[in-house]
Protein backbone atom coordinates (compact mmCIF):
# COMPACT_ATOMS: atom_id res chain seq x y z
CA UNK A 1 -0.02 0.14 0.16
CA UNK A 2 1.46 3.13 -0.93
CA UNK A 3 0.87 6.51 1.34
CA UNK A 4 0.97 9.75 -0.39
CA UNK A 5 4.07 11.97 -0.25
CA UNK A 6 2.51 15.28 -1.27
CA UNK A 7 3.71 17.87 1.54
CA UNK A 8 5.08 16.84 5.09
CA UNK A 9 2.01 18.45 6.58
CA UNK A 10 1.17 15.23 8.27
CA UNK A 11 -2.12 17.03 9.31
CA UNK A 12 -2.92 17.05 5.28
CA UNK A 13 -2.26 12.99 5.48
CA UNK A 14 -5.09 10.65 5.21
CA UNK A 15 -4.42 8.22 7.62
CA UNK A 16 -3.61 11.07 10.34
CA UNK A 17 -6.80 11.37 12.47
CA UNK A 18 -6.30 14.35 14.73
CA UNK A 19 -7.30 14.14 18.41
CA UNK A 20 -8.81 11.05 18.81
CA UNK A 21 -9.03 8.40 22.30
CA UNK A 22 -7.75 4.94 22.11
CA UNK A 23 -11.42 3.48 22.32
CA UNK A 24 -12.30 5.43 19.37
CA UNK A 25 -9.24 4.37 17.21
CA UNK A 26 -9.52 0.73 18.35
CA UNK A 27 -12.86 0.94 16.95
CA UNK A 28 -11.80 1.92 13.96
CA UNK A 29 -9.25 -0.92 13.58
CA UNK A 30 -11.04 -3.85 11.84
CA UNK A 31 -8.87 -6.02 10.34
CA UNK A 32 -5.00 -6.93 10.82
CA UNK A 33 -2.66 -4.29 8.94
CA UNK A 34 -5.27 -1.59 9.76
CA UNK A 35 -3.72 1.53 11.13
CA UNK A 36 -3.74 5.18 11.79
CA UNK A 37 -1.78 8.42 13.50
CA UNK A 38 -3.07 10.13 15.96
CA UNK A 39 -2.70 12.70 18.76
CA UNK A 40 -2.87 11.07 22.24
CA UNK A 41 -4.58 12.83 25.11
CA UNK A 42 -2.80 11.27 27.68
CA UNK A 43 0.50 11.82 25.97
CA UNK A 44 0.34 15.40 25.73
CA UNK A 45 -1.05 15.29 21.91
CA UNK A 46 2.25 13.65 20.74
CA UNK A 47 1.46 11.33 17.46
CA UNK A 48 0.62 7.61 18.47
CA UNK A 49 0.42 5.28 16.00
CA UNK A 50 -2.46 2.75 16.36
CA UNK A 51 -2.36 -0.78 14.81
CA UNK A 52 -4.02 -3.96 14.57
CA UNK A 53 -2.34 -6.78 14.67
CA UNK A 54 -3.08 -10.74 15.56
CA UNK A 55 -6.59 -9.38 16.65
CA UNK A 56 -5.16 -7.33 19.49
CA UNK A 57 -5.09 -3.30 18.83
CA UNK A 58 -1.44 -2.30 19.58
CA UNK A 59 -0.14 1.95 20.20
CA UNK A 60 3.12 2.94 19.37
CA UNK A 61 4.37 6.50 20.37
CA UNK A 62 6.20 8.23 17.83
CA UNK A 63 9.63 9.73 19.38
CA UNK A 64 10.41 13.39 18.26
CA UNK A 65 14.16 14.30 18.58
CA UNK A 66 13.94 18.26 18.23
CA UNK A 67 16.95 19.92 16.75
CA UNK A 68 18.51 23.03 17.05
CA UNK A 69 16.96 25.27 13.98
CA UNK A 70 19.67 25.41 11.18
CA UNK A 71 19.50 26.29 7.71
CA UNK A 72 19.00 23.22 5.10
CA UNK A 73 18.26 20.44 8.05
CA UNK A 74 14.78 20.36 9.81
CA UNK A 75 13.66 21.13 12.92
CA UNK A 76 12.92 17.70 14.51
CA UNK A 77 13.43 14.07 13.45
CA UNK A 78 10.66 11.05 14.31
CA UNK A 79 11.73 7.64 15.37
CA UNK A 80 9.59 4.55 16.31
CA UNK A 81 12.73 2.29 17.78
CA UNK A 82 16.09 2.89 16.20
CA UNK A 83 15.79 4.77 12.96
CA UNK A 84 15.14 8.22 12.67
CA UNK A 85 12.98 10.40 9.87
CA UNK A 86 13.45 13.84 8.75
CA UNK A 87 9.24 13.74 8.97
CA UNK A 88 6.40 12.01 10.57
CA UNK A 89 5.03 11.04 6.82
CA UNK A 90 8.64 9.64 5.76
CA UNK A 91 8.25 7.12 8.90
CA UNK A 92 5.12 5.99 7.80
CA UNK A 93 5.83 5.66 4.12
CA UNK A 94 8.97 3.87 5.22
CA UNK A 95 7.40 1.50 7.85
CA UNK A 96 4.32 0.86 5.13
CA UNK A 97 5.89 0.54 1.62
CA UNK A 98 8.73 -1.89 3.05
CA UNK A 99 6.57 -3.81 5.26
CA UNK A 100 8.91 -3.21 8.57
CA UNK A 101 7.47 -4.56 11.57
CA UNK A 102 6.25 -1.10 13.86
CA UNK A 103 8.31 -3.18 17.03
CA UNK A 104 10.70 -5.96 17.18
CA UNK A 105 8.90 -7.16 20.26
CA UNK A 106 5.05 -7.64 18.40
CA UNK A 107 6.37 -7.87 14.86
CA UNK A 108 3.21 -5.83 14.01
CA UNK A 109 2.91 -4.33 10.60
CA UNK A 110 1.29 -1.50 9.04
CA UNK A 111 -0.42 -2.59 5.38
CA UNK A 112 -3.62 -0.57 5.01
CA UNK A 113 -4.31 3.14 6.19
CA UNK A 114 -7.75 3.85 8.05
CA UNK A 115 -8.72 6.68 5.80
CA UNK A 116 -10.41 10.03 7.71
CA UNK A 117 -13.69 10.83 7.58
CA UNK A 118 -13.89 14.70 7.12
CA UNK A 119 -11.28 17.38 8.42
CA UNK A 120 -9.74 17.22 11.94
CA UNK A 121 -10.57 19.86 14.55
CA UNK A 122 -7.39 20.88 14.68
CA UNK A 123 -3.19 19.92 13.88
CA UNK A 124 -0.58 19.44 16.12
CA UNK A 125 1.86 19.65 13.80
CA UNK A 126 2.29 23.82 14.25
CA UNK A 127 2.16 23.84 18.25
CA UNK A 128 2.70 20.41 19.57
CA UNK A 129 5.59 18.95 17.59
CA UNK A 130 7.53 22.06 15.69
CA UNK A 131 7.37 23.96 19.05
CA UNK A 132 5.52 26.99 18.33
CA UNK A 133 3.95 28.22 20.88
CA UNK A 134 0.39 27.81 21.48
CA UNK A 135 -1.64 31.18 22.19
CA UNK A 136 -3.41 32.24 25.09
CA UNK A 137 -7.27 33.11 25.12
CA UNK A 138 -7.84 36.37 27.33
CA UNK A 139 -9.66 35.58 30.28
CA UNK A 140 -11.93 38.20 30.53
CA UNK A 141 -15.41 37.76 29.48
CA UNK A 142 -15.42 40.53 27.69
CA UNK A 143 -13.12 41.94 24.45
CA UNK A 144 -10.53 44.58 25.07
CA UNK A 145 -8.96 46.17 21.79
CA UNK A 146 -5.24 45.72 21.05
CA UNK A 147 -4.55 49.54 22.30
CA UNK A 148 -5.35 48.50 25.52
CA UNK A 149 -2.68 46.45 28.16
CA UNK A 150 -4.51 43.44 28.26
CA UNK A 151 -4.01 43.14 25.11
CA UNK A 152 -0.19 42.92 24.07
CA UNK A 153 -0.12 39.20 24.03
CA UNK A 154 -1.70 39.73 20.46
CA UNK A 155 0.70 42.41 19.18
CA UNK A 156 1.90 41.49 15.76
CA UNK A 157 -0.55 39.00 15.16
CA UNK A 158 -3.82 38.97 12.63
CA UNK A 159 -6.90 38.45 13.60
CA UNK A 160 -6.74 34.95 11.62
CA UNK A 161 -4.14 34.05 13.61
CA UNK A 162 -5.86 33.20 17.00
CA UNK A 163 -7.34 30.11 17.78
CA UNK A 164 -11.12 30.02 16.85
CA UNK A 165 -13.60 28.92 19.42
CA UNK A 166 -12.74 24.75 19.13
CA UNK A 167 -9.13 25.33 19.94
CA UNK A 168 -7.85 24.18 22.84
CA UNK A 169 -6.13 26.75 25.00
CA UNK A 170 -3.40 26.51 27.69
CA UNK A 171 -4.09 27.47 31.32
CA UNK A 172 -2.91 31.49 31.65
CA UNK A 173 -0.71 32.82 33.86
CA UNK A 174 0.54 36.52 34.80
CA UNK A 175 3.92 37.39 34.61
CA UNK A 176 5.49 38.77 37.92
CA UNK A 177 4.88 42.91 37.80
CA UNK A 178 7.58 45.58 37.84
CA UNK A 179 6.69 48.16 39.89
CA UNK A 180 3.81 49.83 38.94
CA UNK A 181 3.99 47.86 35.34
CA UNK A 182 0.24 46.66 34.01
CA UNK A 183 -0.36 43.06 34.91
CA UNK A 184 0.47 40.98 31.33
CA UNK A 185 -0.39 37.76 30.35
CA UNK A 186 2.81 35.58 29.40
CA UNK A 187 3.01 35.04 25.67
CA UNK A 188 5.63 32.02 25.33
CA UNK A 189 6.83 33.78 21.84
CA UNK A 190 10.29 33.01 20.85
CA UNK A 191 12.69 35.55 22.04
CA UNK A 192 13.19 37.18 18.44
CA UNK A 193 9.38 38.05 17.85
CA UNK A 194 9.11 40.55 20.72
CA UNK A 195 11.30 43.15 18.98
CA UNK A 196 9.41 42.61 15.40
CA UNK A 197 6.22 42.86 16.70
CA UNK A 198 6.71 46.78 18.32
CA UNK A 199 4.93 49.37 15.97
CA UNK A 200 5.52 53.23 16.53
CA UNK A 201 1.99 53.74 17.94
CA UNK A 202 3.11 50.78 20.96
CA UNK A 203 5.18 53.28 22.57
CA UNK A 204 2.39 55.18 23.67
CA UNK A 205 0.93 52.55 26.00
CA UNK A 206 2.98 53.14 28.87
CA UNK A 207 4.20 56.31 30.48
CA UNK A 208 7.74 55.04 30.92
CA UNK A 209 10.08 52.49 29.08
CA UNK A 210 9.07 48.77 28.71
CA UNK A 211 10.11 46.45 31.15
CA UNK A 212 14.07 45.10 30.50
CA UNK A 213 14.11 41.51 29.54
CA UNK A 214 14.65 38.97 31.86
CA UNK A 215 18.18 38.40 33.32
CA UNK A 216 17.81 34.80 33.84
CA UNK A 217 18.99 32.86 31.18
CA UNK A 218 16.91 31.69 28.12
CA UNK A 219 18.20 28.76 27.33
CA UNK A 220 16.78 25.53 28.87
CA UNK A 221 16.94 21.86 27.99
CA UNK A 222 14.05 20.97 25.48
CA UNK A 223 11.26 19.37 27.54
CA UNK A 224 10.24 16.07 26.01
CA UNK A 225 7.24 15.89 27.76
CA UNK A 226 7.90 12.52 29.18
CA UNK A 227 9.83 10.56 27.56
CA UNK A 228 13.54 10.58 27.74
CA UNK A 229 15.72 12.72 26.26
CA UNK A 230 17.32 11.82 22.64
CA UNK A 231 18.95 15.24 21.91
CA UNK A 232 21.19 17.22 24.07
CA UNK A 233 21.16 20.75 22.15
CA UNK A 234 19.81 23.61 24.04
CA UNK A 235 17.16 25.07 22.36
CA UNK A 236 15.92 29.03 23.07
CA UNK A 237 12.79 29.45 25.25
CA UNK A 238 11.57 32.20 27.15
CA UNK A 239 11.66 31.16 30.92
CA UNK A 240 8.38 29.79 32.52
CA UNK A 241 6.87 32.25 35.06
CA UNK A 242 4.62 29.39 36.30
CA UNK A 243 4.09 29.44 40.13
CA UNK A 244 5.77 32.70 40.57
CA UNK A 245 4.12 34.91 43.27
CA UNK A 246 2.44 38.03 42.62
CA UNK A 247 4.95 40.05 44.74
CA UNK A 248 7.80 38.65 43.44
CA UNK A 249 10.34 41.48 42.25
CA UNK A 250 11.59 39.08 39.20
CA UNK A 251 10.80 36.06 37.08
CA UNK A 252 12.16 32.61 37.71
CA UNK A 253 12.58 29.62 35.73
CA UNK A 254 11.12 26.51 36.04
CA UNK A 255 12.33 24.52 39.11
CA UNK A 256 14.49 21.23 38.31
CA UNK A 257 12.83 18.12 39.56
CA UNK A 258 13.82 16.40 42.48
CA UNK A 259 16.46 13.77 40.84
CA UNK A 260 18.02 16.76 39.14
CA UNK A 261 18.53 18.85 42.23
CA UNK A 262 21.83 20.60 43.55
CA UNK A 263 23.45 17.76 45.78
CA UNK A 264 26.32 20.59 47.29
CA UNK A 265 24.47 20.70 50.29
CA UNK A 266 24.94 16.91 50.68
CA UNK A 267 28.58 17.03 49.78
CA UNK A 268 29.51 19.62 52.55
CA UNK A 269 28.58 17.71 55.18
CA UNK A 270 29.59 13.88 54.69
CA UNK A 271 30.65 13.08 58.01
CA UNK A 272 28.84 10.67 60.24
CA UNK A 273 26.00 11.94 62.65
CA UNK A 274 24.28 9.55 65.45
CA UNK A 275 21.33 8.30 63.79
CA UNK A 276 17.86 9.18 65.11
CA UNK A 277 15.44 6.73 63.27
CA UNK A 278 14.89 4.11 60.96
CA UNK A 279 14.51 5.96 57.59
CA UNK A 280 11.75 4.96 54.73
CA UNK A 281 12.20 5.81 51.06
CA UNK A 282 9.32 4.66 49.88
CA UNK A 283 6.87 7.55 49.13
CA UNK A 284 3.45 8.54 51.22
CA UNK A 285 0.77 6.06 50.23
CA UNK A 286 -1.04 8.68 48.06
CA UNK A 287 -3.72 7.25 45.89
CA UNK A 288 -3.04 5.53 42.64
CA UNK A 289 -4.23 7.05 39.49
CA UNK A 290 -4.37 3.52 37.81
CA UNK A 291 -6.23 1.93 41.04
CA UNK A 292 -8.94 2.87 43.04
CA UNK A 293 -9.42 3.57 46.69
CA UNK A 294 -10.22 -0.12 46.95
CA UNK A 295 -9.06 -2.77 44.40
CA UNK A 296 -9.11 -6.69 44.13
CA UNK A 297 -5.90 -8.47 43.08
CA UNK A 298 -4.79 -9.02 39.48
CA UNK A 299 -7.74 -6.61 38.12
CA UNK A 300 -8.01 -7.45 34.33
CA UNK A 301 -8.75 -3.78 33.56
CA UNK A 302 -5.54 -2.60 35.21
CA UNK A 303 -3.82 -5.21 33.85
CA UNK A 304 -5.10 -4.39 30.08
CA UNK A 305 -3.92 -0.49 30.91
CA UNK A 306 -0.61 -1.11 31.81
CA UNK A 307 -0.10 -4.05 28.79
CA UNK A 308 -0.80 -0.86 26.70
CA UNK A 309 1.16 1.48 28.80
CA UNK A 310 4.21 -0.50 28.28
CA UNK A 311 3.86 -1.36 24.66
CA UNK A 312 3.81 2.37 24.36
CA UNK A 313 7.30 2.97 25.94
CA UNK A 314 10.52 1.71 24.16
CA UNK A 315 13.15 -0.60 26.26
CA UNK A 316 14.76 2.37 26.69
CA UNK A 317 12.29 4.57 28.04
CA UNK A 318 11.06 1.48 30.25
CA UNK A 319 14.50 1.08 32.07
CA UNK A 320 15.05 5.35 32.67
CA UNK A 321 11.46 5.08 34.34
CA UNK A 322 12.74 1.99 36.34
CA UNK A 323 16.10 3.80 37.49
CA UNK A 324 14.27 7.00 38.58
CA UNK A 325 11.94 4.83 40.92
CA UNK A 326 14.94 2.61 42.04
CA UNK A 327 17.07 5.51 42.64
CA UNK A 328 14.33 6.68 45.23
CA UNK A 329 13.52 3.65 46.99
CA UNK A 330 17.22 2.94 47.49
CA UNK A 331 17.52 6.46 48.77
CA UNK A 332 20.11 7.43 46.21
CA UNK A 333 18.20 10.12 44.78
CA UNK A 334 15.87 12.62 46.11
CA UNK A 335 16.95 12.54 49.99
CA UNK A 336 15.85 15.33 51.71
CA UNK A 337 17.93 17.23 54.53
CA UNK A 338 14.95 15.30 57.63
CA UNK A 339 16.19 11.91 56.33
CA UNK A 340 19.92 12.34 56.21
CA UNK A 341 19.95 13.63 59.65
CA UNK A 342 17.56 11.10 60.94
CA UNK A 343 19.72 8.57 59.43
CA UNK A 344 22.97 9.84 60.53
CA UNK A 345 24.65 9.66 56.70
CA UNK A 346 23.69 11.45 52.90
CA UNK A 347 22.46 8.19 51.07
CA UNK A 348 20.99 5.00 51.64
CA UNK A 349 23.53 2.84 50.04
CA UNK A 350 25.52 4.15 53.38
CA UNK A 351 22.48 3.16 55.44
CA UNK A 352 21.86 -0.37 54.15
CA UNK A 353 24.87 -1.45 55.41
CA UNK A 354 24.62 0.07 59.10
CA UNK A 355 22.57 -1.77 61.93
CA UNK A 356 19.62 0.80 61.39
CA UNK A 357 19.17 0.20 58.00
CA UNK A 358 17.13 -2.93 58.67
CA UNK A 359 13.91 -1.26 57.35
CA UNK A 360 15.55 0.11 54.28
CA UNK A 361 16.68 -3.43 53.66
CA UNK A 362 13.22 -4.93 54.40
CA UNK A 363 11.66 -2.56 51.81
CA UNK A 364 14.27 -3.27 49.19
CA UNK A 365 14.07 -7.15 49.36
CA UNK A 366 10.12 -6.43 49.33
CA UNK A 367 10.55 -4.17 46.18
CA UNK A 368 13.02 -6.90 44.23
CA UNK A 369 10.18 -9.73 45.02
CA UNK A 370 7.32 -7.82 43.96
CA UNK A 371 9.04 -6.93 40.68
CA UNK A 372 10.13 -10.27 40.04
CA UNK A 373 6.92 -11.77 40.23
CA UNK A 374 5.09 -8.74 38.64
CA UNK A 375 7.36 -9.63 35.79
CA UNK A 376 6.61 -13.15 35.95
CA UNK A 377 2.73 -12.62 35.82
CA UNK A 378 3.61 -10.87 32.40
CA UNK A 379 4.72 -13.77 30.68
CA UNK A 380 2.31 -16.27 32.61
CA UNK A 381 -1.12 -14.03 32.11
CA UNK A 382 -0.87 -14.30 28.15
CA UNK A 383 -3.30 -16.60 27.49
CA UNK A 384 -3.46 -15.99 23.99
CA UNK A 385 -1.19 -17.27 20.94
CA UNK A 386 1.82 -19.12 21.85
CA UNK A 387 3.43 -15.96 19.42
CA UNK A 388 2.27 -13.98 22.09
CA UNK A 389 4.49 -15.25 24.93
CA UNK A 390 7.10 -15.24 22.94
CA UNK A 391 6.97 -11.42 22.42
CA UNK A 392 6.75 -10.80 26.05
CA UNK A 393 9.89 -13.00 26.82
CA UNK A 394 11.55 -11.26 23.96
CA UNK A 395 10.18 -7.58 25.84
CA UNK A 396 11.30 -8.36 29.40
CA UNK A 397 14.99 -9.65 27.23
CA UNK A 398 14.99 -6.18 25.80
CA UNK A 399 14.47 -4.47 29.23
CA UNK A 400 17.03 -6.48 31.04
CA UNK A 401 19.63 -5.52 27.88
CA UNK A 402 18.62 -1.81 28.36
CA UNK A 403 19.29 -2.20 32.21
CA UNK A 404 22.78 -4.14 32.31
CA UNK A 405 25.95 -2.06 32.65
CA UNK A 406 26.80 0.63 30.05
CA UNK A 407 23.13 1.31 29.47
CA UNK A 408 20.90 2.34 32.31
CA UNK A 409 23.31 0.73 34.63
CA UNK A 410 20.50 -0.05 36.65
CA UNK A 411 21.32 -3.50 38.83
CA UNK A 412 18.91 -3.76 41.03
CA UNK A 413 16.08 -3.15 38.23
CA UNK A 414 17.91 -5.93 35.95
CA UNK A 415 18.00 -8.24 39.08
CA UNK A 416 14.45 -8.09 39.11
CA UNK A 417 13.95 -8.50 35.61
CA UNK A 418 16.22 -11.40 35.50
CA UNK A 419 14.51 -12.87 38.40
CA UNK A 420 11.09 -13.04 36.04
CA UNK A 421 13.15 -14.92 33.26
CA UNK A 422 14.73 -17.40 35.83
CA UNK A 423 11.58 -18.30 37.82
CA UNK A 424 10.99 -21.71 37.49
CA UNK A 425 7.41 -21.08 36.51
CA UNK A 426 8.63 -19.20 33.50
CA UNK A 427 11.36 -21.25 33.12
CA UNK A 428 9.60 -24.42 32.66
CA UNK A 429 7.76 -22.89 29.28
CA UNK A 430 9.49 -25.04 26.95
CA UNK A 431 6.98 -24.56 24.07
CA UNK A 432 7.72 -20.58 24.71
CA UNK A 433 11.31 -20.24 24.85
CA UNK A 434 11.53 -22.87 21.64
CA UNK A 435 9.20 -20.31 20.23
CA UNK A 436 11.75 -17.01 21.10
CA UNK A 437 14.65 -18.50 19.88
CA UNK A 438 12.52 -19.51 16.59
CA UNK A 439 11.00 -15.91 16.01
CA UNK A 440 13.71 -13.83 18.08
CA UNK A 441 17.27 -15.07 17.60
CA UNK A 442 18.95 -12.54 18.73
CA UNK A 443 16.89 -11.87 22.03
CA UNK A 444 17.39 -16.00 22.90
CA UNK A 445 21.25 -15.75 22.27
CA UNK A 446 21.52 -12.22 24.20
CA UNK A 447 19.99 -14.27 27.54
CA UNK A 448 21.79 -17.47 27.30
CA UNK A 449 25.37 -15.73 25.95
CA UNK A 450 25.43 -12.44 28.08
CA UNK A 451 22.23 -11.60 30.55
CA UNK A 452 22.50 -15.17 32.50
CA UNK A 453 26.25 -15.32 33.03
CA UNK A 454 26.17 -11.24 33.88
CA UNK A 455 23.44 -12.12 36.64
CA UNK A 456 25.12 -14.74 37.70
CA UNK A 457 28.56 -13.11 38.23
CA UNK A 458 26.53 -10.00 40.06
CA UNK A 459 25.13 -12.58 42.27
CA UNK A 460 28.15 -13.97 42.96
CA UNK A 461 30.04 -10.56 44.25
CA UNK A 462 32.19 -10.64 40.53
CA UNK A 463 30.45 -8.86 38.53
CA UNK A 464 30.83 -5.05 37.06
CA UNK A 465 30.16 -2.64 39.87
CA UNK A 466 32.30 0.91 38.69
CA UNK A 467 30.49 3.91 39.16
CA UNK A 468 29.93 5.56 35.53
CA UNK A 469 29.18 2.35 33.87
CA UNK A 470 26.57 1.53 36.44
CA UNK A 471 24.44 3.88 37.95
CA UNK A 472 22.92 1.94 40.62
CA UNK A 473 24.81 -1.11 42.23
CA UNK A 474 23.33 -4.46 43.25
CA UNK A 475 22.56 -4.35 46.51
CA UNK A 476 20.61 -7.31 46.83
CA UNK A 477 23.19 -10.03 47.79
CA UNK A 478 24.27 -7.53 50.77
CA UNK A 479 21.33 -6.91 51.79
CA UNK A 480 20.39 -10.33 52.03
CA UNK A 481 23.50 -11.31 54.02
CA UNK A 482 23.08 -8.67 56.20
CA UNK A 483 19.64 -9.80 56.77
CA UNK A 484 20.65 -12.96 58.02
CA UNK A 485 20.28 -15.22 54.85
CA UNK A 486 22.54 -18.34 54.45
CA UNK A 487 24.53 -18.23 51.32
CA UNK A 488 23.97 -21.60 48.82
CA UNK A 489 26.68 -23.50 47.77
CA UNK A 490 29.48 -25.46 49.14
CA UNK A 491 31.36 -23.98 52.45
CA UNK A 492 34.29 -23.33 50.60
CA UNK A 493 32.71 -21.37 48.14
CA UNK A 494 30.24 -19.69 50.29
CA UNK A 495 32.89 -18.21 51.83
CA UNK A 496 34.72 -16.82 49.14
CA UNK A 497 31.65 -15.23 48.10
CA UNK A 498 30.98 -13.86 51.85
CA UNK A 499 34.11 -11.94 51.66
CA UNK A 500 33.21 -10.83 47.95
CA UNK A 501 29.59 -9.63 49.12
CA UNK A 502 30.78 -7.70 52.18
CA UNK A 503 33.52 -6.00 49.87
CA UNK A 504 31.81 -5.27 47.46
CA UNK A 505 29.45 -3.76 50.20
CA UNK A 506 31.87 -1.33 51.34
CA UNK A 507 32.94 0.08 47.94
CA UNK A 508 29.39 0.47 47.50
CA UNK A 509 29.04 2.93 50.33
CA UNK A 510 32.00 4.64 49.74
CA UNK A 511 31.26 5.11 46.27
CA UNK A 512 27.80 6.13 46.90
CA UNK A 513 28.68 9.97 45.87
CA UNK A 514 29.98 8.93 42.61
CA UNK A 515 26.81 7.03 41.95
CA UNK A 516 24.45 9.50 42.63
CA UNK A 517 26.51 11.42 40.20
CA UNK A 518 26.63 8.70 37.45
CA UNK A 519 22.47 8.58 37.93
CA UNK A 520 22.06 11.67 37.94
CA UNK A 521 23.83 11.87 34.69
CA UNK A 522 21.71 9.53 33.34
CA UNK A 523 18.48 11.14 34.13
CA UNK A 524 19.25 14.85 33.56
CA UNK A 525 16.64 15.97 30.83
CA UNK A 526 14.50 13.16 31.58
CA UNK A 527 10.84 14.18 31.79
CA UNK A 528 8.98 10.55 32.78
CA UNK A 529 5.22 9.51 32.27
CA UNK A 530 3.29 9.73 35.44
CA UNK A 531 1.50 6.74 34.93
CA UNK A 532 4.56 4.29 33.93
CA UNK A 533 6.53 5.60 37.17
CA UNK A 534 3.38 4.96 39.10
CA UNK A 535 3.13 1.59 37.94
CA UNK A 536 6.96 1.11 38.71
CA UNK A 537 6.51 2.07 42.48
CA UNK A 538 6.64 -0.71 45.16
CA UNK A 539 3.03 0.15 46.82
CA UNK A 540 1.64 0.19 43.43
CA UNK A 541 3.22 -3.18 42.47
CA UNK A 542 1.84 -4.58 45.59
CA UNK A 543 -1.77 -3.44 45.46
CA UNK A 544 -1.67 -4.36 41.89
CA UNK A 545 -0.66 -8.41 43.11
CA UNK A 546 -2.28 -8.76 45.99
CA UNK A 547 -4.93 -6.11 46.60
CA UNK A 548 -5.97 -3.24 48.89
CA UNK A 549 -6.56 -5.79 51.78
CA UNK A 550 -3.97 -8.37 51.09
CA UNK A 551 -1.20 -6.11 50.93
CA UNK A 552 -1.42 -5.93 55.01
CA UNK A 553 -0.51 -9.96 55.13
CA UNK A 554 3.00 -11.02 56.49
CA UNK A 555 5.43 -10.98 53.47
CA UNK A 556 6.23 -14.54 53.41
CA UNK A 557 2.40 -14.90 53.38
CA UNK A 558 2.10 -13.22 50.28
CA UNK A 559 4.69 -14.90 48.38
CA UNK A 560 3.97 -18.53 49.39
CA UNK A 561 0.04 -17.61 48.22
CA UNK A 562 1.28 -15.97 44.61
CA UNK A 563 3.98 -18.53 43.98
CA UNK A 564 1.08 -20.78 44.03
CA UNK A 565 -1.05 -18.68 41.26
CA UNK A 566 2.14 -18.14 39.20
CA UNK A 567 2.33 -22.31 39.10
CA UNK A 568 -1.11 -22.88 38.29
CA UNK A 569 -1.19 -20.17 35.49
CA UNK A 570 2.25 -21.89 34.20
CA UNK A 571 0.24 -25.20 34.43
CA UNK A 572 -2.77 -24.27 32.43
CA UNK A 573 -0.38 -22.79 29.35
CA UNK A 574 1.92 -25.67 29.03
CA UNK A 575 0.72 -28.76 31.42
CA UNK A 576 3.33 -31.64 32.49
CA UNK A 577 3.20 -34.39 30.02
């Protein structure tokens, strides 16, 4: 099927449907190979390719890589997994005409576009994807002429440039006033257009000279709107004034997220202080947007939502989300001053090696077990075709590769994913693993030849643990040892393993500032998806697996019960002969 090439404005393409919900898109996809491109409301209006494949509706977010504007090259590149394209139509043409799978994990092919019926309501090609500002409507009900201060944000613009009644609006916010200057609405226009828009008659609007430009830097890292940064160039942007008090004397830039906060205060006070109390790095039990106040274990609707959510993110993005949550759960990033004062050290990597780190060690063990069970459930819960389970295995293998040293470097996350793949209920699925080797040979070879030896070395205390290559070290062996668990194997081997584990624990505590720097460097500029970040927290996984009532049961009881559930699911998929 040939996709037309007339113009790079994808809003004119017949397969682009504009703002469209997931449910309506799935209703339009009737046969395998049907596809359309829509603007996802849950993803901030970014394009998503919806495609039906093997009876299921799949959704793939198209990543946008912002480039610094230069003559002769596009302002952005678009990609699904690896290859980048100068426009969205060229990406769609390549995948449709070349019959290339939209993702290697699913093998989905887009062949027949679903033609849009009628014009779309609004194109996201100008403001959402190409970085042009969305104009802000006046908050007042009555109209004002452009000769009044309230109309200055429309200066130099024609009436046709203003959005119509059906256009979406951005919440308005007031710029901080300078002295007696009138209250003006912020216009997120490029810096160069302010001078061009001034006219001779505009000088009569003020009794004094206009306010000087803000002195804050106007170069901010490009906001990827929840996706991992794929380009690190700086692009000009007017500093945001959201959240600025009305009586503040000058504008401020947006505050960086907590994982990018300045750690100088922590480095200044590195001496040990007497601990005051046990410290927990679990976030408070806030309501989960994907779960109600009360939920039953393994609710099908929630599992379906999570499946679609993970399919919309490539393994590299999911790995960064997991690294962010693991750094918070371990106390590597986001440690408050009160927490540092209570635990007497600056990092959770130091705390877990101390006697009063008992609570943190239990939390880390709980998180490791819960994530491993959730990963196994992702495979054993696939009651559909054999290829679907093999694709899920491939997805977990790709996630493990994205977490390994040299990539995201999140070794606790890698240990949890490998724990799911090596769980007896999963490893016994001979037909599924055979299908993985047949359909996804590269993933099967990477699992057998790279990931399994790497995990074995990490568990024995002999794997890579240098800061830089690793952002978050493998803490599970040291945590198990410090909580009194016996090491498996013969006595002489267990003694050597004991010494290696203790040595790595001391080295891990000593290099905590270096690990923090490595993790912050990987997460710099990263803007996570709130739903995916929530889905990877320990509290959410616990509620998902055991329900709001069962999560309060003793850990041993919960783990034993869920192991039986996984055994039943495994037997249903591939019964013993």
